[in-house]
Protein backbone atom coordinates (compact mmCIF):
# COMPACT_ATOMS: atom_id res chain seq x y z
CA MET A 1 198.16 6.18 109.13
CA GLY A 2 198.62 9.02 106.64
CA GLY A 3 202.03 7.86 105.47
CA ASP A 4 200.53 4.65 104.06
CA ARG A 5 198.28 6.47 101.60
CA PRO A 6 199.24 6.35 97.90
CA LEU A 7 200.93 9.28 96.19
CA VAL A 8 198.45 11.82 94.79
CA ARG A 9 196.01 9.33 96.25
CA VAL A 10 192.42 10.13 96.81
CA ARG A 11 193.78 13.46 97.96
CA TRP A 12 191.44 15.44 95.76
CA SER A 13 188.39 13.42 96.74
CA ALA A 14 189.40 13.31 100.41
CA ALA A 15 189.84 17.05 100.65
CA VAL A 16 186.69 17.73 98.67
CA ALA A 17 184.76 15.30 100.87
CA ALA A 18 185.99 17.16 103.93
CA LEU A 19 185.26 20.60 102.58
CA CYS A 20 182.55 20.42 99.94
CA GLY A 21 179.82 19.68 102.45
CA LEU A 22 179.69 23.40 103.11
CA SER A 23 176.27 25.02 102.82
CA ILE A 24 176.04 28.77 102.81
CA ALA A 25 173.19 29.77 100.49
CA ALA A 26 175.83 31.41 98.31
CA GLY A 27 173.38 32.64 95.73
CA GLY A 28 170.52 33.63 97.93
CA ALA A 29 171.57 34.67 101.42
CA PRO A 30 170.76 38.21 102.53
CA ALA A 31 173.42 40.86 102.82
CA VAL A 32 175.47 40.01 105.90
CA ALA A 33 175.83 42.70 108.50
CA GLU A 34 178.13 42.10 111.44
CA ASP A 35 175.30 41.04 113.71
CA ARG A 36 173.21 39.10 111.19
CA ALA A 37 173.57 35.44 110.31
CA PRO A 38 173.11 34.26 106.72
CA ALA A 39 170.21 31.89 106.31
CA ALA A 40 170.98 28.21 105.90
CA GLY A 41 170.36 27.16 102.35
CA ALA A 42 171.45 25.13 99.35
CA GLU A 43 174.86 23.55 99.06
CA ALA A 44 177.47 25.98 97.75
CA ASP A 45 180.40 25.27 95.51
CA ALA A 46 183.89 26.49 96.24
CA PRO A 47 185.47 28.99 96.60
CA TRP A 48 185.08 28.81 100.36
CA VAL A 49 185.11 31.78 102.72
CA ILE A 50 187.89 31.08 105.24
CA ALA A 51 187.90 33.38 108.27
CA HIS A 52 191.57 34.18 108.92
CA ARG A 53 192.06 34.13 112.71
CA GLY A 54 188.28 34.52 112.89
CA ALA A 55 186.64 37.78 111.88
CA SER A 56 189.90 39.46 112.81
CA ALA A 57 189.02 42.79 111.24
CA TYR A 58 186.20 43.18 113.76
CA ARG A 59 187.27 41.45 116.98
CA PRO A 60 190.67 40.73 118.54
CA GLU A 61 192.04 37.81 116.57
CA HIS A 62 191.88 34.20 117.72
CA THR A 63 189.14 34.71 120.27
CA LEU A 64 185.96 32.69 120.46
CA GLU A 65 184.03 35.88 119.77
CA ALA A 66 186.04 36.45 116.57
CA TYR A 67 185.00 32.98 115.41
CA ARG A 68 181.35 33.55 116.36
CA VAL A 69 181.26 36.79 114.38
CA ALA A 70 182.92 35.05 111.42
CA ALA A 71 180.18 32.41 111.36
CA ARG A 72 177.49 35.12 111.48
CA MET A 73 179.19 36.77 108.53
CA GLY A 74 179.00 33.63 106.42
CA ALA A 75 182.38 31.97 106.90
CA ASP A 76 182.57 28.35 105.79
CA ILE A 77 185.80 27.68 107.67
CA ILE A 78 187.43 29.29 110.72
CA GLU A 79 191.17 29.33 111.29
CA PRO A 80 192.83 28.91 114.68
CA ASP A 81 196.63 28.95 114.99
CA LEU A 82 198.03 26.51 117.54
CA VAL A 83 200.88 26.97 120.03
CA PRO A 84 201.58 24.98 123.22
CA THR A 85 201.71 26.04 126.86
CA LYS A 86 204.42 25.04 129.31
CA ASP A 87 202.26 22.18 130.53
CA GLY A 88 201.49 20.89 127.03
CA HIS A 89 198.04 22.31 126.31
CA LEU A 90 197.23 23.65 122.84
CA VAL A 91 196.08 27.27 122.84
CA VAL A 92 195.10 29.55 120.01
CA ARG A 93 197.47 32.41 119.16
CA HIS A 94 198.99 33.49 115.86
CA GLU A 95 202.42 33.36 117.48
CA ASN A 96 203.85 31.93 120.66
CA GLU A 97 204.93 35.51 121.49
CA LEU A 98 202.03 36.91 123.51
CA GLY A 99 202.89 40.60 123.80
CA GLY A 100 201.26 41.72 120.57
CA THR A 101 197.87 40.13 121.13
CA THR A 102 197.33 40.03 124.91
CA ASP A 103 197.65 42.34 127.90
CA VAL A 104 200.64 40.42 129.30
CA GLY A 105 202.81 43.55 129.07
CA ASP A 106 200.55 45.26 131.59
CA ARG A 107 200.70 42.38 134.07
CA PRO A 108 203.48 43.00 136.64
CA GLU A 109 203.28 39.42 137.93
CA PHE A 110 204.70 38.24 134.60
CA ALA A 111 207.33 40.96 134.09
CA ASP A 112 210.18 38.56 134.87
CA ARG A 113 209.19 36.33 131.92
CA HIS A 114 210.03 39.00 129.36
CA THR A 115 212.88 37.56 127.34
CA THR A 116 214.45 37.14 123.91
CA LYS A 117 214.43 33.82 122.07
CA THR A 118 215.53 32.63 118.67
CA ILE A 119 212.46 31.40 116.78
CA ASP A 120 212.98 29.96 113.30
CA GLY A 121 216.39 31.57 113.11
CA ARG A 122 215.49 35.10 114.16
CA PRO A 123 215.48 36.83 117.55
CA VAL A 124 212.06 37.57 119.06
CA THR A 125 211.56 39.53 122.26
CA GLY A 126 208.47 39.27 124.42
CA TRP A 127 206.47 36.79 126.47
CA PHE A 128 206.04 33.26 125.18
CA SER A 129 203.26 30.71 125.51
CA GLU A 130 205.68 27.93 126.37
CA ASP A 131 206.71 29.81 129.52
CA PHE A 132 203.14 29.89 130.88
CA THR A 133 200.94 27.17 132.27
CA LEU A 134 197.43 27.06 130.90
CA ALA A 135 196.09 28.38 134.20
CA GLU A 136 198.43 31.37 134.03
CA LEU A 137 197.71 32.06 130.39
CA ARG A 138 193.98 32.00 131.04
CA THR A 139 194.35 35.05 133.27
CA LEU A 140 195.42 37.11 130.24
CA ARG A 141 193.01 38.97 127.99
CA ALA A 142 193.18 39.45 124.22
CA VAL A 143 193.90 42.82 122.59
CA GLU A 144 193.84 44.04 119.00
CA ARG A 145 197.21 43.54 117.29
CA ILE A 146 196.99 46.61 114.99
CA PRO A 147 194.74 49.13 116.80
CA ASP A 148 195.67 52.05 114.52
CA ILE A 149 194.34 50.15 111.52
CA ARG A 150 191.47 48.43 113.34
CA PRO A 151 190.14 50.73 116.07
CA ARG A 152 186.75 49.06 115.68
CA SER A 153 188.25 45.81 116.95
CA ALA A 154 190.35 47.55 119.60
CA ARG A 155 187.14 48.62 121.36
CA PHE A 156 186.90 45.00 122.52
CA ASP A 157 190.35 44.88 124.11
CA GLY A 158 190.41 43.13 127.46
CA ARG A 159 187.10 41.29 127.10
CA PHE A 160 188.11 37.84 125.89
CA GLN A 161 190.33 35.01 127.07
CA VAL A 162 192.86 33.09 125.01
CA PRO A 163 190.95 29.94 123.97
CA THR A 164 192.16 26.38 123.92
CA PHE A 165 192.00 24.21 120.81
CA GLU A 166 189.37 22.07 122.55
CA GLU A 167 187.18 25.13 123.07
CA VAL A 168 187.39 25.98 119.38
CA LEU A 169 186.38 22.44 118.44
CA ASP A 170 183.44 22.66 120.85
CA LEU A 171 182.48 26.03 119.38
CA ARG A 172 182.54 24.61 115.86
CA GLU A 173 179.83 22.12 116.78
CA THR A 174 177.78 24.84 118.44
CA LEU A 175 178.08 27.11 115.40
CA GLU A 176 176.96 24.34 113.05
CA GLN A 177 173.87 23.77 115.15
CA ARG A 178 173.14 27.47 115.52
CA HIS A 179 173.51 28.34 111.85
CA GLY A 180 172.19 25.12 110.35
CA ARG A 181 175.12 24.55 108.00
CA PRO A 182 178.53 22.87 108.10
CA ILE A 183 181.38 24.92 109.50
CA ARG A 184 184.93 23.60 109.32
CA VAL A 185 188.13 24.37 111.23
CA ILE A 186 191.56 24.75 109.61
CA PRO A 187 194.21 25.00 112.35
CA GLU A 188 197.74 26.11 111.53
CA LEU A 189 200.54 24.54 113.55
CA LYS A 190 203.11 27.20 114.35
CA HIS A 191 206.89 26.72 114.62
CA GLY A 192 206.87 22.93 114.78
CA ALA A 193 210.67 22.58 114.54
CA TYR A 194 211.25 25.14 117.28
CA PHE A 195 208.82 23.43 119.63
CA ASP A 196 210.43 20.06 118.89
CA SER A 197 213.76 21.57 119.95
CA ILE A 198 212.39 22.40 123.41
CA GLY A 199 210.58 19.11 123.91
CA LEU A 200 207.04 20.14 122.94
CA ASP A 201 205.74 18.01 120.05
CA LEU A 202 203.05 20.15 118.46
CA GLU A 203 202.16 17.65 115.75
CA ALA A 204 201.70 14.76 118.17
CA ALA A 205 199.63 16.92 120.52
CA THR A 206 197.37 17.98 117.66
CA ALA A 207 196.90 14.41 116.45
CA LYS A 208 196.09 13.31 120.00
CA ALA A 209 193.49 16.07 120.33
CA LEU A 210 191.79 14.97 117.10
CA ARG A 211 191.78 11.30 118.01
CA ALA A 212 190.33 12.09 121.43
CA ARG A 213 187.28 13.54 119.65
CA ASP A 214 187.14 10.99 116.83
CA LEU A 215 188.01 13.73 114.32
CA ASP A 216 190.87 11.97 112.53
CA GLY A 217 189.67 10.97 109.08
CA ALA A 218 189.30 12.05 105.46
CA ASP A 219 185.79 13.30 106.22
CA SER A 220 186.86 15.21 109.34
CA PRO A 221 185.62 18.79 109.76
CA VAL A 222 189.25 19.63 110.63
CA VAL A 223 191.94 20.35 108.02
CA LEU A 224 195.51 20.84 109.29
CA GLN A 225 198.13 23.19 107.88
CA SER A 226 201.76 24.25 108.33
CA PHE A 227 204.43 26.23 106.52
CA GLU A 228 207.11 23.70 107.43
CA PRO A 229 207.44 20.74 105.02
CA PRO A 230 208.83 18.47 107.78
CA SER A 231 205.78 19.30 109.90
CA VAL A 232 203.47 18.49 106.98
CA ALA A 233 205.27 15.19 106.44
CA GLU A 234 205.04 14.35 110.15
CA LEU A 235 201.33 15.12 110.19
CA ASP A 236 200.84 12.90 107.15
CA GLY A 237 202.24 10.02 109.18
CA LEU A 238 200.06 10.78 112.20
CA VAL A 239 196.59 11.64 110.86
CA ASP A 240 194.23 10.89 107.99
CA THR A 241 192.68 14.36 107.89
CA PRO A 242 193.42 16.57 104.87
CA ILE A 243 196.65 18.58 105.19
CA VAL A 244 197.65 21.96 103.74
CA GLN A 245 201.19 22.93 102.78
CA LEU A 246 201.31 26.68 103.30
CA ILE A 247 203.71 28.48 100.96
CA ASN A 248 205.09 31.99 101.42
CA ALA A 249 207.10 34.02 98.92
CA ALA A 250 210.39 32.77 100.38
CA GLN A 251 209.23 29.21 99.66
CA ALA A 252 208.31 29.93 96.04
CA GLU A 253 210.25 26.86 94.90
CA LEU A 254 207.46 24.77 96.40
CA ALA A 255 205.04 26.46 93.99
CA THR A 256 206.90 25.25 90.89
CA PRO A 257 205.72 22.08 89.12
CA GLU A 258 208.65 20.17 90.60
CA GLY A 259 207.96 21.57 94.05
CA LEU A 260 204.29 20.68 93.81
CA ASP A 261 205.22 17.09 92.94
CA ARG A 262 207.03 16.89 96.28
CA VAL A 263 204.25 18.69 98.15
CA ALA A 264 201.69 16.20 96.80
CA GLU A 265 203.52 13.36 98.51
CA HIS A 266 202.19 14.55 101.87
CA ALA A 267 199.60 17.31 101.36
CA ASP A 268 196.06 17.58 99.99
CA LEU A 269 195.97 21.34 99.56
CA ILE A 270 198.34 24.26 99.21
CA GLY A 271 197.90 27.63 100.89
CA PRO A 272 200.05 30.04 98.87
CA GLU A 273 200.67 33.70 99.48
CA LEU A 274 198.29 35.74 97.32
CA LYS A 275 200.94 37.07 94.94
CA LEU A 276 202.04 33.55 94.03
CA VAL A 277 198.57 33.15 92.47
CA LEU A 278 197.81 36.71 91.34
CA PRO A 279 200.80 39.03 90.87
CA ILE A 280 200.31 42.77 91.17
CA GLY A 281 201.25 44.86 88.15
CA ALA A 282 203.15 48.15 88.01
CA ASP A 283 199.83 50.00 88.28
CA GLY A 284 199.08 48.37 91.62
CA ARG A 285 196.22 46.31 90.19
CA ALA A 286 195.92 42.56 89.68
CA GLY A 287 197.91 41.28 86.72
CA GLU A 288 197.71 37.98 84.88
CA PRO A 289 197.32 34.95 87.15
CA THR A 290 200.21 32.53 87.35
CA SER A 291 199.80 28.88 86.40
CA LEU A 292 199.88 27.82 90.07
CA VAL A 293 196.18 26.99 90.43
CA GLU A 294 196.17 24.90 87.26
CA ASP A 295 199.46 23.23 88.15
CA ALA A 296 198.19 22.35 91.64
CA HIS A 297 194.87 21.03 90.38
CA GLU A 298 196.68 18.79 87.89
CA ARG A 299 198.35 17.16 90.89
CA GLY A 300 195.14 16.78 92.87
CA LEU A 301 195.93 19.67 95.21
CA LEU A 302 193.26 22.18 96.20
CA VAL A 303 194.35 25.83 96.47
CA THR A 304 193.43 28.21 99.34
CA PRO A 305 195.55 31.40 99.23
CA TYR A 306 196.05 33.87 102.09
CA THR A 307 195.12 36.64 103.10
CA LEU A 308 192.56 39.10 101.71
CA ARG A 309 192.26 42.27 103.80
CA SER A 310 190.09 45.27 103.07
CA GLU A 311 191.90 48.29 104.53
CA ASN A 312 194.02 50.61 102.40
CA ALA A 313 197.00 49.65 104.55
CA HIS A 314 196.76 46.06 103.32
CA LEU A 315 195.40 46.30 99.79
CA PRO A 316 197.64 46.64 96.73
CA ASP A 317 198.14 50.34 95.99
CA GLY A 318 195.91 50.29 92.92
CA TYR A 319 192.88 49.47 95.09
CA ASP A 320 193.35 52.23 97.67
CA ARG A 321 190.66 54.84 98.27
CA GLY A 322 192.23 57.94 99.75
CA ASP A 323 195.25 58.10 102.02
CA THR A 324 193.81 56.90 105.34
CA PRO A 325 195.36 53.51 106.13
CA SER A 326 192.36 52.27 108.14
CA ARG A 327 189.80 53.20 105.45
CA TYR A 328 188.37 50.44 103.27
CA GLY A 329 189.66 50.46 99.72
CA ASP A 330 188.18 48.86 96.61
CA HIS A 331 188.32 45.47 98.25
CA ARG A 332 185.44 44.00 96.26
CA ALA A 333 187.31 44.32 92.96
CA TYR A 334 190.48 42.76 94.36
CA TYR A 335 188.62 39.92 96.05
CA ILE A 336 186.73 39.08 92.85
CA ALA A 337 189.97 39.15 90.84
CA MET A 338 191.37 36.54 93.22
CA LEU A 339 188.24 34.36 93.00
CA GLU A 340 188.42 34.47 89.21
CA THR A 341 191.77 32.65 89.27
CA GLY A 342 189.96 29.39 90.07
CA VAL A 343 191.05 29.02 93.69
CA ASP A 344 189.10 26.65 95.91
CA GLY A 345 188.90 29.00 98.89
CA VAL A 346 190.51 32.17 100.22
CA PHE A 347 191.47 33.41 103.65
CA SER A 348 190.18 36.82 104.67
CA ASP A 349 190.20 38.97 107.81
CA SER A 350 186.82 40.34 106.65
CA PRO A 351 184.67 37.29 105.92
CA ASP A 352 181.62 39.46 105.31
CA HIS A 353 183.40 41.25 102.45
CA LEU A 354 184.56 37.95 100.96
CA PHE A 355 181.07 36.48 101.34
CA GLN A 356 179.57 39.33 99.34
CA ALA A 357 182.37 39.21 96.73
CA ARG A 358 181.74 35.51 96.29
CA LYS A 359 178.03 36.12 95.73
CA GLU A 360 178.86 38.57 92.95
CA PHE A 361 181.50 36.27 91.48
CA LEU A 362 179.16 33.28 91.40
CA ARG A 363 176.32 35.33 89.98
CA LYS A 364 178.51 36.50 87.09
CA ARG A 365 180.06 33.08 86.58
CA ASP A 366 176.73 31.31 86.42
CA ALA A 367 174.89 33.94 84.38
């Protein structure tokens, strides 16, 4: 399996083969409103529009509706995060703690499951996916995680179930057919070491799900990702799909040339935190890019940073417009600055904004 592949193998070509089949009419699609699909069109180059948790600025995150909206907005790739249930099913939540993104706190029948656990070395209090069967979890409904910042999304609280990984894979096929262009899925495996410690093997379950659908291969429409290097290494031994090593600021050592050499032993892409690619200067605006994109490309690693968000609350201070946290800032300028670093794709909660920024970026680049 993956562990038999040569170092810095055909990683570049495998990942490109899996991702570069994306067609989005990047230069010619109409402006994308929330309820309008871009027309299918010519093949587009990277950078890809990756819908972080779906169109999570507009619908409660990690719901099938959030992924549908993301596709209508022009996303090339949708991102589900995977956690297991008590009975071993893979469901889609950003965390195994359910209180922030479902109505479980309002469900008296589950009050006795409120508890505190140590997850990745820190205490977390709430309700946890691994304490629910799939049947029980399916009775819950999704809610907006940050309603003060995203009241538009909060209007949809209570409407949507927590989906399974299988449902997302089914939806991907439906979206491709509906929109007439390739759409990929980039699941993130959450807390692999923790789940191993309680007897739930997230990596093996994910590999099994892919094999059951004949989706394990270099040309698979699925690309797997994790923050945990041991999880990435385990996946590399289980599957032949492209793999992303996610890198946050606390893991900055992995973004050094020496760290990237080790990452390239098991991964095809890196998903760094934005500031590891584009630091923010004292004025709150984008500074000079780091060498990370160039260093990664030299090692055959594609680069897909996370996460572009459009509200003042999430933008660097130099891109704010006014003092209202939920108001959109100068997101277009920040998004384009990130695209200009040479990244191969970017995660965004607002795929429509990234889609439009990419159109402008490509127009200027190709002029």
